[in-house]
Amino acid sequence: MIRRVRTVVDSVPTLVLVLVVVGVVVGLVLLSVWAVRRLLPETRDGFDAEVSSQMLGVVASLFGLLLAFVVVIEFQAFTSAGATVSAEANGLAAIVRDSHAFGEPGGTNVRAAIGGYVRAVTEQEWPRMRHGDESAAAWRGIDQMFATMQQYKPVTTAQVAFYDDAVRHLNAVLQARRDRLDTSSGDSLPLLIAALVLVGAAVTLGYATLVGSRSAAFHAIGAGATAVVVGFTPRGSDHPPVPVLRWPRDRFASVSAWGPGEVLRPVEMTHEQALTVLGNVIDAAPGPVSVVVVDAHGEVVASVSMSGAARDTYLNAQRKAYTAARSDAFTTRQLAEKAGGSPTELASFDPQFSFFLGGVAAFRDGSRVGAVGVSGLPGEIDEDLAFAGIRAAGLDTPA
């Protein structure tokens, strides 16, 4: 019965609920004022008004202190819940970031497991948290994430480092999840505090009703104003409001679209888009160039060397595209600026990387889907051709 009532109450907009509660309380108090003045004629003469008003002041002050205490408790619960949810979401985002260093199919499987967990939380568990419940599917999602991480075996030094970081974040996600469920499963106010709030409200309204006045309007206004304040008293049995979990869409734009048991297919550069890039660059180039379009892993999707282009331009274009697809920079220009010409910095990068202008990453829905490399003309022109080709294919370029 209590759960059914709570479900109905939670389905009502907050503003409507507040107006209804305040209206009912004020209506009952005004009805009580009318009944008291009718049944106790002494109230119309303001009997013992001086003493009663002082007592009302004492009771109202104590009730105000109690309400202030309740407000602090509710605000702390809200702040704590928000921090817990943020920690959970940030931990998942960090694992997604680390998984890109795992290679395939390890990284894809990890991201798919995370997608299944996020879907279970947002679609199934969140509505149940209103009642202090949790989702068995979300717990299975946790188990799947741990199992997927345990199945992956890092090989390179970089993979080991990113794997260790991902495991650390996964344990933090589990702890944040437990904290979130603990917050939603318990009442935000202790039973004793909730009882004190209700008793205090009843005593305050009782005094406001019994403190009479020769003016019926003044009596009704005073009691009604007190009823308005008491009507806003927080519901002691409510669960604290918890901010909605928001998944970073620039990392996982299509989480909600995955079906149960599906394996995540990363967004990729299509061959139609790659051919569009080639055609646009060939048409716009003022001289012979080589153009290479690669996917997000740096593998060639489409390429061409125009008649008259020097033989080494194809390899240069491929390295430029590979660099824009695989490095933490989005263009070869950015990577060159990061290295700054330092021999130590240059030696620390992948030997296949290129620092010549003309390599540009391509994006779709915030995800890097590939890159384009152009070589054969001055670097500024090569870069402009790559940017224009990506845009012609309906893809996004770095800012």
Protein backbone atom coordinates (compact mmCIF):
# COMPACT_ATOMS: atom_id res chain seq x y z
CA MET A 1 0.00 0.00 0.00
CA ILE A 2 2.78 2.42 0.97
CA ARG A 3 4.68 1.61 -2.24
CA ARG A 4 1.56 2.18 -4.33
CA VAL A 5 0.98 5.56 -2.68
CA ARG A 6 4.63 6.51 -3.21
CA THR A 7 4.42 5.53 -6.87
CA VAL A 8 1.40 7.79 -7.36
CA VAL A 9 3.07 10.66 -5.48
CA ASP A 10 6.34 10.32 -7.42
CA SER A 11 4.45 10.46 -10.71
CA VAL A 12 2.99 13.88 -9.89
CA PRO A 13 5.07 16.95 -10.90
CA THR A 14 6.75 18.60 -7.91
CA LEU A 15 5.04 21.97 -8.38
CA VAL A 16 1.60 20.36 -8.57
CA LEU A 17 2.34 18.24 -5.50
CA VAL A 18 3.48 21.27 -3.49
CA LEU A 19 0.39 23.28 -4.47
CA VAL A 20 -1.92 20.41 -3.56
CA VAL A 21 -0.27 19.77 -0.17
CA VAL A 22 -0.17 23.46 0.76
CA GLY A 23 -3.76 23.93 -0.43
CA VAL A 24 -5.01 21.00 1.62
CA VAL A 25 -3.18 22.13 4.77
CA VAL A 26 -4.37 25.72 4.44
CA GLY A 27 -7.93 24.54 3.77
CA LEU A 28 -7.97 22.33 6.85
CA VAL A 29 -6.57 25.08 9.04
CA LEU A 30 -9.08 27.67 7.82
CA LEU A 31 -11.88 25.16 8.40
CA SER A 32 -10.51 24.59 11.91
CA VAL A 33 -10.46 28.35 12.55
CA TRP A 34 -14.09 28.60 11.53
CA ALA A 35 -15.03 25.63 13.74
CA VAL A 36 -13.07 26.99 16.74
CA ARG A 37 -14.63 30.43 16.49
CA ARG A 38 -18.07 28.84 16.22
CA LEU A 39 -17.67 26.26 19.01
CA LEU A 40 -15.50 28.37 21.34
CA PRO A 41 -16.94 31.88 21.43
CA GLU A 42 -14.12 32.96 23.77
CA THR A 43 -11.67 32.91 20.84
CA ARG A 44 -13.62 35.70 19.20
CA ASP A 45 -12.75 37.90 22.19
CA GLY A 46 -9.06 36.97 21.99
CA PHE A 47 -8.98 35.19 25.34
CA ASP A 48 -5.50 34.93 26.85
CA ALA A 49 -4.14 36.09 23.49
CA GLU A 50 -1.07 37.65 25.09
CA VAL A 51 0.03 34.44 26.79
CA SER A 52 -1.02 32.21 23.89
CA SER A 53 0.85 34.32 21.33
CA GLN A 54 4.05 34.07 23.39
CA MET A 55 3.66 30.32 23.61
CA LEU A 56 3.08 30.20 19.87
CA GLY A 57 6.30 32.12 19.36
CA VAL A 58 8.25 29.60 21.45
CA VAL A 59 6.72 26.62 19.64
CA ALA A 60 7.28 28.22 16.22
CA SER A 61 10.94 28.96 17.06
CA LEU A 62 11.58 25.36 18.09
CA PHE A 63 9.82 24.11 14.99
CA GLY A 64 11.91 26.48 12.85
CA LEU A 65 15.14 25.10 14.32
CA LEU A 66 13.94 21.57 13.63
CA LEU A 67 13.11 22.47 10.03
CA ALA A 68 16.55 24.03 9.57
CA PHE A 69 18.11 20.78 10.79
CA VAL A 70 15.96 18.80 8.34
CA VAL A 71 16.94 21.07 5.45
CA VAL A 72 20.64 20.52 6.23
CA ILE A 73 20.17 16.75 6.28
CA GLU A 74 18.30 16.78 2.97
CA PHE A 75 20.87 19.02 1.30
CA GLN A 76 23.77 16.85 2.47
CA ALA A 77 21.98 13.76 1.16
CA PHE A 78 21.42 15.43 -2.21
CA THR A 79 25.05 16.58 -2.46
CA SER A 80 26.38 13.16 -1.45
CA ALA A 81 24.14 11.41 -4.00
CA GLY A 82 25.31 13.73 -6.77
CA ALA A 83 28.97 13.13 -5.94
CA THR A 84 28.43 9.36 -5.88
CA VAL A 85 26.74 9.29 -9.28
CA SER A 86 29.44 11.54 -10.76
CA ALA A 87 32.15 9.23 -9.44
CA GLU A 88 30.44 6.22 -11.03
CA ALA A 89 29.99 7.92 -14.41
CA ASN A 90 33.52 9.34 -14.42
CA GLY A 91 34.97 5.93 -13.60
CA LEU A 92 33.14 4.33 -16.51
CA ALA A 93 34.30 7.08 -18.86
CA ALA A 94 37.89 6.52 -17.73
CA ILE A 95 37.65 2.78 -18.48
CA VAL A 96 36.32 3.56 -21.96
CA ARG A 97 39.27 5.87 -22.50
CA ASP A 98 41.77 3.24 -21.30
CA SER A 99 40.18 0.50 -23.43
CA HIS A 100 41.25 2.21 -26.65
CA ALA A 101 44.82 1.10 -25.87
CA PHE A 102 43.82 -2.58 -25.57
CA GLY A 103 43.68 -3.35 -29.28
CA GLU A 104 41.04 -5.61 -30.81
CA PRO A 105 38.91 -7.42 -29.88
CA GLY A 106 39.78 -6.69 -26.24
CA GLY A 107 38.94 -2.99 -26.31
CA THR A 108 35.69 -3.57 -28.19
CA ASN A 109 34.56 -6.25 -25.73
CA VAL A 110 35.29 -4.02 -22.73
CA ARG A 111 33.32 -1.14 -24.22
CA ALA A 112 30.44 -3.46 -25.08
CA ALA A 113 30.29 -4.71 -21.47
CA ILE A 114 30.26 -1.13 -20.19
CA GLY A 115 27.51 -0.24 -22.66
CA GLY A 116 25.36 -3.11 -21.38
CA TYR A 117 25.82 -1.99 -17.78
CA VAL A 118 24.98 1.64 -18.55
CA ARG A 119 21.87 0.57 -20.42
CA ALA A 120 20.71 -1.61 -17.50
CA VAL A 121 21.25 1.22 -15.01
CA THR A 122 19.56 3.98 -17.00
CA GLU A 123 16.66 1.92 -18.37
CA GLN A 124 15.89 -0.51 -15.52
CA GLU A 125 17.57 0.41 -12.27
CA TRP A 126 16.93 4.14 -12.16
CA PRO A 127 13.10 3.86 -12.01
CA ARG A 128 13.40 1.19 -9.29
CA MET A 129 15.62 3.38 -7.14
CA ARG A 130 12.57 5.51 -6.32
CA HIS A 131 11.41 2.56 -4.23
CA GLY A 132 14.84 1.68 -2.85
CA ASP A 133 15.19 -1.29 -5.22
CA GLU A 134 18.02 -2.32 -7.53
CA SER A 135 18.32 -4.16 -10.84
CA ALA A 136 19.54 -7.73 -11.20
CA ALA A 137 20.46 -6.90 -14.81
CA ALA A 138 22.77 -4.13 -13.59
CA TRP A 139 24.52 -6.54 -11.24
CA ARG A 140 24.94 -8.94 -14.15
CA GLY A 141 26.43 -6.03 -16.07
CA ILE A 142 28.96 -5.54 -13.27
CA ASP A 143 29.85 -9.23 -13.41
CA GLN A 144 30.23 -9.03 -17.19
CA MET A 145 32.57 -6.05 -16.94
CA PHE A 146 34.80 -7.86 -14.44
CA ALA A 147 34.74 -11.06 -16.50
CA THR A 148 35.67 -9.18 -19.69
CA MET A 149 38.54 -7.42 -17.95
CA GLN A 150 39.80 -10.73 -16.56
CA GLN A 151 39.71 -12.33 -20.02
CA TYR A 152 41.82 -9.59 -21.58
CA LYS A 153 45.57 -10.18 -21.48
CA PRO A 154 47.72 -7.06 -22.02
CA VAL A 155 50.89 -7.58 -24.02
CA THR A 156 52.78 -4.33 -24.49
CA THR A 157 54.03 -2.07 -21.72
CA ALA A 158 51.46 0.58 -22.68
CA GLN A 159 48.62 -1.94 -22.57
CA VAL A 160 49.69 -3.11 -19.10
CA ALA A 161 49.71 0.46 -17.82
CA PHE A 162 46.27 1.26 -19.25
CA TYR A 163 44.90 -2.11 -18.05
CA ASP A 164 46.03 -1.43 -14.48
CA ASP A 165 44.39 2.00 -14.61
CA ALA A 166 41.16 0.50 -15.98
CA VAL A 167 41.03 -2.12 -13.22
CA ARG A 168 41.51 0.57 -10.59
CA HIS A 169 38.65 2.59 -12.07
CA LEU A 170 36.43 -0.52 -12.28
CA ASN A 171 36.86 -1.16 -8.55
CA ALA A 172 36.01 2.51 -7.91
CA VAL A 173 32.86 2.13 -10.05
CA LEU A 174 31.77 -0.85 -7.97
CA GLN A 175 32.25 1.11 -4.74
CA ALA A 176 30.38 4.12 -6.15
CA ARG A 177 27.53 1.84 -7.23
CA ARG A 178 27.22 0.38 -3.73
CA ASP A 179 27.18 3.87 -2.23
CA ARG A 180 24.49 4.94 -4.70
CA LEU A 181 22.30 1.95 -3.84
CA ASP A 182 22.82 2.48 -0.09
CA THR A 183 21.72 6.09 -0.50
CA SER A 184 18.54 5.15 -2.36
CA SER A 185 17.61 2.18 -0.16
CA GLY A 186 17.42 4.09 3.13
CA ASP A 187 15.09 6.88 4.22
CA SER A 188 16.66 10.31 4.09
CA LEU A 189 15.39 11.17 7.59
CA PRO A 190 15.53 9.02 10.73
CA LEU A 191 12.10 7.95 11.94
CA LEU A 192 12.43 9.96 15.17
CA ILE A 193 13.24 13.17 13.26
CA ALA A 194 10.32 12.58 10.89
CA ALA A 195 8.00 12.06 13.87
CA LEU A 196 9.26 15.29 15.49
CA VAL A 197 8.58 17.20 12.28
CA LEU A 198 5.00 15.93 12.12
CA VAL A 199 4.32 16.55 15.82
CA GLY A 200 5.88 20.00 15.63
CA ALA A 201 3.76 20.87 12.61
CA ALA A 202 0.60 19.70 14.36
CA VAL A 203 1.36 21.64 17.58
CA THR A 204 2.28 24.81 15.68
CA LEU A 205 -0.91 24.68 13.60
CA GLY A 206 -2.93 23.93 16.72
CA TYR A 207 -1.64 26.99 18.53
CA ALA A 208 -2.15 29.15 15.43
CA THR A 209 -5.75 27.99 15.29
CA LEU A 210 -6.55 28.48 18.99
CA VAL A 211 -4.92 31.90 19.39
CA GLY A 212 -8.08 33.96 18.83
CA SER A 213 -8.65 37.51 17.69
CA ARG A 214 -11.57 39.92 17.64
CA SER A 215 -11.05 40.12 13.86
CA ALA A 216 -12.03 36.91 12.08
CA ALA A 217 -10.03 37.96 9.03
CA PHE A 218 -6.88 38.56 11.08
CA HIS A 219 -7.35 35.23 12.85
CA ALA A 220 -7.75 33.41 9.51
CA ILE A 221 -4.80 35.20 7.86
CA GLY A 222 -2.45 34.43 10.76
CA ALA A 223 -3.39 30.77 10.90
CA GLY A 224 -3.40 30.46 7.11
CA ALA A 225 0.09 32.00 6.79
CA THR A 226 1.42 29.53 9.36
CA ALA A 227 -0.24 26.71 7.42
CA VAL A 228 1.49 27.80 4.19
CA VAL A 229 4.90 27.58 5.86
CA VAL A 230 4.15 24.21 7.46
CA GLY A 231 2.79 22.90 4.14
CA PHE A 232 6.28 23.18 2.64
CA THR A 233 7.73 20.89 5.30
CA PRO A 234 9.88 18.17 3.56
CA ARG A 235 8.35 14.72 3.50
CA GLY A 236 10.46 12.81 6.00
CA SER A 237 9.85 9.41 4.39
CA ASP A 238 11.15 10.39 0.96
CA HIS A 239 14.34 9.09 -0.58
CA PRO A 240 16.83 11.85 -1.34
CA PRO A 241 16.69 13.18 -4.88
CA VAL A 242 19.47 11.70 -6.96
CA PRO A 243 20.79 13.41 -10.11
CA VAL A 244 20.23 11.49 -13.32
CA LEU A 245 23.21 9.48 -14.52
CA ARG A 246 24.43 11.06 -17.74
CA TRP A 247 26.73 9.03 -19.92
CA PRO A 248 29.31 11.06 -21.87
CA ARG A 249 27.79 10.92 -25.35
CA ASP A 250 30.97 12.04 -27.05
CA ARG A 251 32.43 8.65 -26.07
CA PHE A 252 29.36 6.45 -26.45
CA ALA A 253 26.82 8.23 -28.66
CA SER A 254 24.65 5.16 -29.25
CA VAL A 255 24.57 3.36 -25.88
CA SER A 256 20.77 3.33 -25.72
CA ALA A 257 20.51 1.75 -29.16
CA TRP A 258 22.38 -1.46 -28.35
CA GLY A 259 20.26 -4.51 -27.77
CA PRO A 260 20.87 -7.15 -25.10
CA GLY A 261 23.81 -9.37 -25.87
CA GLU A 262 25.02 -7.28 -28.77
CA VAL A 263 28.71 -6.69 -29.29
CA LEU A 264 29.60 -3.04 -29.73
CA ARG A 265 30.57 -2.20 -33.28
CA PRO A 266 32.74 0.91 -33.23
CA VAL A 267 31.84 3.76 -35.54
CA GLU A 268 33.98 3.40 -38.67
CA MET A 269 34.89 5.19 -41.84
CA THR A 270 32.78 3.69 -44.67
CA HIS A 271 34.24 3.00 -48.09
CA GLU A 272 31.69 5.38 -49.62
CA GLN A 273 32.99 8.19 -47.44
CA ALA A 274 36.59 7.27 -48.22
CA LEU A 275 35.92 7.39 -51.97
CA THR A 276 34.20 10.76 -51.57
CA VAL A 277 37.31 12.08 -49.82
CA LEU A 278 39.54 10.82 -52.65
CA GLY A 279 37.35 12.34 -55.35
CA ASN A 280 37.17 15.72 -53.63
CA VAL A 281 40.93 15.93 -53.08
CA ILE A 282 41.70 14.90 -56.67
CA ASP A 283 39.29 17.51 -58.05
CA ALA A 284 40.58 20.28 -55.79
CA ALA A 285 44.33 19.58 -55.90
CA PRO A 286 46.30 22.16 -57.96
CA GLY A 287 48.91 19.52 -58.67
CA PRO A 288 49.54 15.75 -58.47
CA VAL A 289 49.25 14.33 -54.94
CA SER A 290 48.83 11.03 -53.15
CA VAL A 291 45.82 10.58 -50.87
CA VAL A 292 45.37 7.86 -48.26
CA VAL A 293 42.23 7.35 -46.14
CA VAL A 294 42.52 5.10 -43.09
CA ASP A 295 40.16 3.84 -40.37
CA ALA A 296 40.50 4.63 -36.67
CA HIS A 297 43.23 1.97 -36.33
CA GLY A 298 45.34 3.41 -39.13
CA GLU A 299 44.48 0.67 -41.64
CA VAL A 300 44.04 1.80 -45.24
CA VAL A 301 40.43 2.03 -46.47
CA ALA A 302 41.07 3.72 -49.82
CA SER A 303 44.02 5.43 -51.51
CA VAL A 304 45.23 6.84 -54.81
CA SER A 305 48.33 8.39 -56.32
CA MET A 306 47.60 10.86 -59.08
CA SER A 307 49.55 10.63 -62.31
CA GLY A 308 52.74 12.60 -61.93
CA ALA A 309 52.92 12.32 -58.13
CA ALA A 310 56.35 11.40 -56.81
CA ARG A 311 56.70 7.80 -55.67
CA ASP A 312 57.50 8.68 -52.07
CA THR A 313 54.36 10.76 -51.66
CA TYR A 314 52.18 7.68 -51.19
CA LEU A 315 54.18 6.46 -48.18
CA ASN A 316 54.27 9.99 -46.79
CA ALA A 317 50.49 10.32 -47.15
CA GLN A 318 49.95 6.94 -45.49
CA ARG A 319 52.15 7.89 -42.54
CA LYS A 320 50.34 11.21 -42.17
CA ALA A 321 46.96 9.49 -42.09
CA TYR A 322 48.25 6.83 -39.69
CA THR A 323 49.55 9.55 -37.36
CA ALA A 324 46.26 11.49 -37.30
CA ALA A 325 44.33 8.27 -36.62
CA ARG A 326 46.55 6.75 -33.93
CA SER A 327 48.22 9.59 -32.02
CA ASP A 328 46.73 11.65 -29.21
CA ALA A 329 46.82 14.64 -31.58
CA PHE A 330 44.15 15.14 -34.23
CA THR A 331 46.44 16.49 -36.94
CA THR A 332 50.09 16.06 -37.79
CA ARG A 333 50.44 19.80 -37.24
CA GLN A 334 49.31 19.40 -33.61
CA LEU A 335 51.72 16.54 -33.04
CA ALA A 336 54.64 18.53 -34.51
CA GLU A 337 53.80 21.46 -32.24
CA LYS A 338 53.65 19.11 -29.26
CA ALA A 339 57.05 17.60 -30.04
CA GLY A 340 58.54 21.06 -30.52
CA GLY A 341 61.50 19.70 -32.47
CA SER A 342 63.03 18.12 -29.37
CA PRO A 343 65.07 15.02 -30.32
CA THR A 344 64.01 13.34 -27.05
CA GLU A 345 60.33 14.00 -27.74
CA LEU A 346 60.59 12.84 -31.34
CA ALA A 347 62.29 9.60 -30.28
CA SER A 348 59.48 8.80 -27.84
CA PHE A 349 56.79 8.59 -30.55
CA ASP A 350 55.79 5.69 -32.79
CA PRO A 351 58.44 5.50 -35.54
CA GLN A 352 55.63 5.40 -38.12
CA PHE A 353 54.36 8.82 -37.08
CA SER A 354 54.87 11.78 -39.39
CA PHE A 355 55.34 15.39 -38.32
CA PHE A 356 54.74 16.94 -41.76
CA LEU A 357 51.54 18.87 -42.43
CA GLY A 358 48.77 17.05 -44.28
CA GLY A 359 47.40 14.47 -41.81
CA VAL A 360 43.93 15.20 -40.40
CA ALA A 361 41.58 13.05 -38.28
CA ALA A 362 37.91 12.57 -39.25
CA PHE A 363 35.07 12.45 -36.70
CA ARG A 364 31.45 11.36 -36.61
CA ASP A 365 29.17 11.92 -33.60
CA GLY A 366 32.20 12.95 -31.57
CA SER A 367 34.15 9.73 -32.26
CA ARG A 368 37.30 9.51 -34.36
CA VAL A 369 36.43 7.24 -37.29
CA GLY A 370 39.59 7.56 -39.33
CA ALA A 371 41.97 10.05 -40.90
CA VAL A 372 43.16 11.44 -44.23
CA GLY A 373 46.73 12.00 -45.36
CA VAL A 374 47.69 14.11 -48.38
CA SER A 375 51.23 14.50 -49.74
CA GLY A 376 52.81 16.00 -52.85
CA LEU A 377 52.31 19.74 -52.43
CA PRO A 378 53.44 22.28 -49.80
CA GLY A 379 52.29 21.23 -46.34
CA GLU A 380 49.72 24.01 -45.95
CA ILE A 381 48.02 22.98 -49.20
CA ASP A 382 48.15 19.27 -48.31
CA GLU A 383 46.44 20.07 -44.99
CA ASP A 384 43.75 22.24 -46.58
CA LEU A 385 42.96 19.49 -49.09
CA ALA A 386 42.60 16.94 -46.28
CA PHE A 387 40.24 19.19 -44.31
CA ALA A 388 38.11 19.88 -47.40
CA GLY A 389 37.92 16.21 -48.35
CA ILE A 390 36.73 15.17 -44.89
CA ARG A 391 34.01 17.80 -44.88
CA ALA A 392 32.90 16.82 -48.38
CA ALA A 393 32.30 13.29 -47.07
CA GLY A 394 29.91 14.63 -44.40
CA LEU A 395 32.35 14.05 -41.56
CA ASP A 396 33.66 16.45 -38.93
CA THR A 397 37.16 17.84 -38.64
CA PRO A 398 39.14 18.87 -35.55
CA ALA A 399 38.31 22.31 -34.18
